């Protein structure tokens, strides 16, 4: 490979790295990853009969100093056989904010409470099931 080909190939790689994530994650509900890499209410993929028990619900409570976010998944905790592994909270740019891991021998229900000092915009919650993959829901703050 000569120098010119190397530079052209490098530029193609860099431009792809900048464009592809924005195209894929620009609108989560319409993302080509929905229904395959993760599941949503509108894109349950192969788990269309599992939405009610796996889609996390998100509730907000605004205090004067902080925002309390409660994430719940209406899923039984059947020991290590079948359970919700964790909840993950992501900001509007899909950056990690916090997570809560569950112990199916101790936790009776998959419920998480997260505190944020101040926040506005889209807030994403992931619920991870050991058998039925990762589910995403969103709320606007």
Foldseek 3Di string as FASTA:
>chain_A
DDPVVVVVVVVVVVVCVVPVVCQQVVPVVPHPCDLPQAHEQNRLNPVVVCHQQFAWDWDWDDDPFKIKIKIFGNHFLPAPPKDWQKKWKAAPVRHTDDMDGDHSVPDGGHMDIDIGRDDFAKMKMWIQMPVRGIYIDIDGD
